[in-house]
Amino acid sequence: MTFAATEKRPHDYVRHGTTNLFAALNVATSEVLGECKQNRNGANFLAILKRR
């Protein structure tokens, strides 16, 4: 089995219309927390964890 070459993109490539799903599991209650955000960064993830 061989893997195909990685896709090449120009330096100015922008992903339009994408979103990021952040999810966390509360093991004490088995509750899954999730939220979609435009940006993927630590501040957005921490906001979800502090929500509950």
PDB file of N, CA and C in Angstrom:
ATOM      1  N   MET A   1       0.843  -1.184   0.000  1.00  0.00           N
ATOM      2  CA  MET A   1       0.000   0.000   0.000  1.00  0.00           C
ATOM      3  C   MET A   1       0.880   1.236   0.000  1.00  0.00           C
ATOM      4  N   THR A   2       0.624   2.144  -0.899  1.00  0.00           N
ATOM      5  CA  THR A   2       1.394   3.383  -0.970  1.00  0.00           C
ATOM      6  C   THR A   2       0.473   4.563  -0.727  1.00  0.00           C
ATOM      7  N   PHE A   3       1.047   5.593  -0.184  1.00  0.00           N
ATOM      8  CA  PHE A   3       0.287   6.808   0.082  1.00  0.00           C
ATOM      9  C   PHE A   3       0.521   7.815  -1.036  1.00  0.00           C
ATOM     10  N   ALA A   4      -0.513   8.516  -1.408  1.00  0.00           N
ATOM     11  CA  ALA A   4      -0.408   9.534  -2.452  1.00  0.00           C
ATOM     12  C   ALA A   4       0.374  10.732  -1.925  1.00  0.00           C
ATOM     13  N   ALA A   5       0.929  11.493  -2.825  1.00  0.00           N
ATOM     14  CA  ALA A   5       1.666  12.699  -2.446  1.00  0.00           C
ATOM     15  C   ALA A   5       0.708  13.699  -1.812  1.00  0.00           C
ATOM     16  N   THR A   6       1.225  14.499  -0.918  1.00  0.00           N
ATOM     17  CA  THR A   6       0.388  15.507  -0.271  1.00  0.00           C
ATOM     18  C   THR A   6      -0.028  16.557  -1.289  1.00  0.00           C
ATOM     19  N   GLU A   7      -1.168  17.144  -1.040  1.00  0.00           N
ATOM     20  CA  GLU A   7      -1.697  18.158  -1.947  1.00  0.00           C
ATOM     21  C   GLU A   7      -0.904  19.446  -1.796  1.00  0.00           C
ATOM     22  N   LYS A   8      -0.566  20.055  -2.900  1.00  0.00           N
ATOM     23  CA  LYS A   8       0.178  21.315  -2.892  1.00  0.00           C
ATOM     24  C   LYS A   8      -0.790  22.484  -2.950  1.00  0.00           C
ATOM     25  N   ARG A   9      -0.502  23.502  -2.159  1.00  0.00           N
ATOM     26  CA  ARG A   9      -1.329  24.712  -2.152  1.00  0.00           C
ATOM     27  C   ARG A   9      -0.413  25.924  -2.242  1.00  0.00           C
ATOM     28  N   PRO A  10      -0.894  26.988  -2.870  1.00  0.00           N
ATOM     29  CA  PRO A  10      -0.064  28.200  -2.932  1.00  0.00           C
ATOM     30  C   PRO A  10       0.015  28.876  -1.563  1.00  0.00           C
ATOM     31  N   HIS A  11       0.983  29.748  -1.398  1.00  0.00           N
ATOM     32  CA  HIS A  11       1.207  30.411  -0.115  1.00  0.00           C
ATOM     33  C   HIS A  11       0.040  31.299   0.308  1.00  0.00           C
ATOM     34  N   ASP A  12      -0.781  31.728  -0.626  1.00  0.00           N
ATOM     35  CA  ASP A  12      -1.897  32.624  -0.300  1.00  0.00           C
ATOM     36  C   ASP A  12      -3.229  31.882  -0.212  1.00  0.00           C
ATOM     37  N   TYR A  13      -3.193  30.575  -0.020  1.00  0.00           N
ATOM     38  CA  TYR A  13      -4.405  29.758   0.074  1.00  0.00           C
ATOM     39  C   TYR A  13      -5.178  30.104   1.345  1.00  0.00           C
ATOM     40  N   VAL A  14      -6.494  30.322   1.208  1.00  0.00           N
ATOM     41  CA  VAL A  14      -7.359  30.646   2.343  1.00  0.00           C
ATOM     42  C   VAL A  14      -8.543  29.683   2.324  1.00  0.00           C
ATOM     43  N   ARG A  15      -8.863  29.106   3.468  1.00  0.00           N
ATOM     44  CA  ARG A  15     -10.014  28.211   3.570  1.00  0.00           C
ATOM     45  C   ARG A  15     -11.252  29.043   3.866  1.00  0.00           C
ATOM     46  N   HIS A  16     -12.105  29.202   2.891  1.00  0.00           N
ATOM     47  CA  HIS A  16     -13.342  29.976   3.067  1.00  0.00           C
ATOM     48  C   HIS A  16     -14.469  29.042   3.490  1.00  0.00           C
ATOM     49  N   GLY A  17     -15.276  29.489   4.421  1.00  0.00           N
ATOM     50  CA  GLY A  17     -16.453  28.734   4.810  1.00  0.00           C
ATOM     51  C   GLY A  17     -16.189  27.557   5.723  1.00  0.00           C
ATOM     52  N   THR A  18     -15.074  27.537   6.406  1.00  0.00           N
ATOM     53  CA  THR A  18     -14.798  26.443   7.324  1.00  0.00           C
ATOM     54  C   THR A  18     -15.148  26.855   8.747  1.00  0.00           C
ATOM     55  N   THR A  19     -15.343  25.871   9.582  1.00  0.00           N
ATOM     56  CA  THR A  19     -15.614  26.126  10.990  1.00  0.00           C
ATOM     57  C   THR A  19     -14.867  25.095  11.818  1.00  0.00           C
ATOM     58  N   ASN A  20     -14.656  25.385  13.070  1.00  0.00           N
ATOM     59  CA  ASN A  20     -13.920  24.498  13.973  1.00  0.00           C
ATOM     60  C   ASN A  20     -14.842  24.020  15.074  1.00  0.00           C
ATOM     61  N   LEU A  21     -14.870  22.729  15.290  1.00  0.00           N
ATOM     62  CA  LEU A  21     -15.681  22.141  16.346  1.00  0.00           C
ATOM     63  C   LEU A  21     -14.794  21.852  17.542  1.00  0.00           C
ATOM     64  N   PHE A  22     -15.126  22.435  18.684  1.00  0.00           N
ATOM     65  CA  PHE A  22     -14.445  22.160  19.935  1.00  0.00           C
ATOM     66  C   PHE A  22     -15.346  21.245  20.751  1.00  0.00           C
ATOM     67  N   ALA A  23     -14.770  20.208  21.337  1.00  0.00           N
ATOM     68  CA  ALA A  23     -15.565  19.278  22.136  1.00  0.00           C
ATOM     69  C   ALA A  23     -14.778  18.871  23.368  1.00  0.00           C
ATOM     70  N   ALA A  24     -15.486  18.622  24.451  1.00  0.00           N
ATOM     71  CA  ALA A  24     -14.875  18.183  25.698  1.00  0.00           C
ATOM     72  C   ALA A  24     -15.821  17.211  26.392  1.00  0.00           C
ATOM     73  N   LEU A  25     -15.265  16.257  27.106  1.00  0.00           N
ATOM     74  CA  LEU A  25     -16.050  15.260  27.834  1.00  0.00           C
ATOM     75  C   LEU A  25     -15.881  15.484  29.327  1.00  0.00           C
ATOM     76  N   ASN A  26     -16.999  15.620  30.029  1.00  0.00           N
ATOM     77  CA  ASN A  26     -16.992  15.691  31.486  1.00  0.00           C
ATOM     78  C   ASN A  26     -17.113  14.261  31.986  1.00  0.00           C
ATOM     79  N   VAL A  27     -16.001  13.687  32.456  1.00  0.00           N
ATOM     80  CA  VAL A  27     -16.011  12.277  32.855  1.00  0.00           C
ATOM     81  C   VAL A  27     -16.847  12.021  34.098  1.00  0.00           C
ATOM     82  N   ALA A  28     -17.049  13.017  34.931  1.00  0.00           N
ATOM     83  CA  ALA A  28     -17.849  12.836  36.142  1.00  0.00           C
ATOM     84  C   ALA A  28     -19.325  12.623  35.817  1.00  0.00           C
ATOM     85  N   THR A  29     -19.817  13.320  34.786  1.00  0.00           N
ATOM     86  CA  THR A  29     -21.243  13.241  34.451  1.00  0.00           C
ATOM     87  C   THR A  29     -21.507  12.598  33.089  1.00  0.00           C
ATOM     88  N   SER A  30     -20.456  12.261  32.359  1.00  0.00           N
ATOM     89  CA  SER A  30     -20.548  11.717  30.989  1.00  0.00           C
ATOM     90  C   SER A  30     -21.202  12.695  30.019  1.00  0.00           C
ATOM     91  N   GLU A  31     -21.138  13.966  30.340  1.00  0.00           N
ATOM     92  CA  GLU A  31     -21.707  14.995  29.476  1.00  0.00           C
ATOM     93  C   GLU A  31     -20.676  15.443  28.448  1.00  0.00           C
ATOM     94  N   VAL A  32     -21.102  15.571  27.202  1.00  0.00           N
ATOM     95  CA  VAL A  32     -20.228  16.043  26.140  1.00  0.00           C
ATOM     96  C   VAL A  32     -20.571  17.494  25.845  1.00  0.00           C
ATOM     97  N   LEU A  33     -19.568  18.352  25.906  1.00  0.00           N
ATOM     98  CA  LEU A  33     -19.741  19.768  25.607  1.00  0.00           C
ATOM     99  C   LEU A  33     -19.155  20.026  24.232  1.00  0.00           C
ATOM    100  N   GLY A  34     -19.857  20.772  23.409  1.00  0.00           N
ATOM    101  CA  GLY A  34     -19.350  21.080  22.088  1.00  0.00           C
ATOM    102  C   GLY A  34     -19.846  22.415  21.602  1.00  0.00           C
ATOM    103  N   GLU A  35     -19.024  23.044  20.787  1.00  0.00           N
ATOM    104  CA  GLU A  35     -19.390  24.349  20.233  1.00  0.00           C
ATOM    105  C   GLU A  35     -18.562  24.602  18.980  1.00  0.00           C
ATOM    106  N   CYS A  36     -19.161  25.226  17.985  1.00  0.00           N
ATOM    107  CA  CYS A  36     -18.468  25.589  16.753  1.00  0.00           C
ATOM    108  C   CYS A  36     -18.010  27.039  16.830  1.00  0.00           C
ATOM    109  N   LYS A  37     -16.787  27.273  16.409  1.00  0.00           N
ATOM    110  CA  LYS A  37     -16.210  28.623  16.409  1.00  0.00           C
ATOM    111  C   LYS A  37     -15.537  28.892  15.079  1.00  0.00           C
ATOM    112  N   GLN A  38     -15.370  30.157  14.743  1.00  0.00           N
ATOM    113  CA  GLN A  38     -14.692  30.533  13.503  1.00  0.00           C
ATOM    114  C   GLN A  38     -13.181  30.354  13.617  1.00  0.00           C
ATOM    115  N   ASN A  39     -12.615  30.632  14.782  1.00  0.00           N
ATOM    116  CA  ASN A  39     -11.169  30.559  14.976  1.00  0.00           C
ATOM    117  C   ASN A  39     -10.806  29.390  15.863  1.00  0.00           C
ATOM    118  N   ARG A  40      -9.634  28.806  15.600  1.00  0.00           N
ATOM    119  CA  ARG A  40      -9.143  27.703  16.428  1.00  0.00           C
ATOM    120  C   ARG A  40      -7.994  28.234  17.278  1.00  0.00           C
ATOM    121  N   ASN A  41      -8.288  28.467  18.556  1.00  0.00           N
ATOM    122  CA  ASN A  41      -7.238  28.925  19.459  1.00  0.00           C
ATOM    123  C   ASN A  41      -7.553  28.463  20.883  1.00  0.00           C
ATOM    124  N   GLY A  42      -6.601  28.622  21.763  1.00  0.00           N
ATOM    125  CA  GLY A  42      -6.748  28.170  23.134  1.00  0.00           C
ATOM    126  C   GLY A  42      -7.825  28.905  23.905  1.00  0.00           C
ATOM    127  N   ALA A  43      -8.019  30.180  23.593  1.00  0.00           N
ATOM    128  CA  ALA A  43      -9.031  30.960  24.307  1.00  0.00           C
ATOM    129  C   ALA A  43     -10.431  30.410  24.050  1.00  0.00           C
ATOM    130  N   ASN A  44     -10.712  30.012  22.810  1.00  0.00           N
ATOM    131  CA  ASN A  44     -12.028  29.438  22.508  1.00  0.00           C
ATOM    132  C   ASN A  44     -12.220  28.106  23.213  1.00  0.00           C
ATOM    133  N   PHE A  45     -11.188  27.287  23.257  1.00  0.00           N
ATOM    134  CA  PHE A  45     -11.299  25.994  23.932  1.00  0.00           C
ATOM    135  C   PHE A  45     -11.484  26.174  25.439  1.00  0.00           C
ATOM    136  N   LEU A  46     -10.746  27.076  26.040  1.00  0.00           N
ATOM    137  CA  LEU A  46     -10.903  27.324  27.474  1.00  0.00           C
ATOM    138  C   LEU A  46     -12.286  27.866  27.806  1.00  0.00           C
ATOM    139  N   ALA A  47     -12.863  28.651  26.934  1.00  0.00           N
ATOM    140  CA  ALA A  47     -14.204  29.190  27.158  1.00  0.00           C
ATOM    141  C   ALA A  47     -15.211  28.056  27.239  1.00  0.00           C
ATOM    142  N   ILE A  48     -15.043  27.028  26.417  1.00  0.00           N
ATOM    143  CA  ILE A  48     -15.953  25.870  26.472  1.00  0.00           C
ATOM    144  C   ILE A  48     -15.759  25.093  27.769  1.00  0.00           C
ATOM    145  N   LEU A  49     -14.517  24.918  28.183  1.00  0.00           N
ATOM    146  CA  LEU A  49     -14.273  24.177  29.426  1.00  0.00           C
ATOM    147  C   LEU A  49     -14.813  24.912  30.645  1.00  0.00           C
ATOM    148  N   LYS A  50     -14.744  26.219  30.649  1.00  0.00           N
ATOM    149  CA  LYS A  50     -15.219  27.000  31.798  1.00  0.00           C
ATOM    150  C   LYS A  50     -16.717  27.194  31.788  1.00  0.00           C
ATOM    151  N   ARG A  51     -17.366  26.847  30.681  1.00  0.00           N
ATOM    152  CA  ARG A  51     -18.813  27.033  30.562  1.00  0.00           C
ATOM    153  C   ARG A  51     -19.576  26.226  31.594  1.00  0.00           C
ATOM    154  N   ARG A  52     -19.090  25.097  32.004  1.00  0.00           N
ATOM    155  CA  ARG A  52     -19.784  24.245  32.971  1.00  0.00           C
ATOM    156  C   ARG A  52     -18.956  23.995  34.177  1.00  0.00           C
TER     157      ARG A  52
END
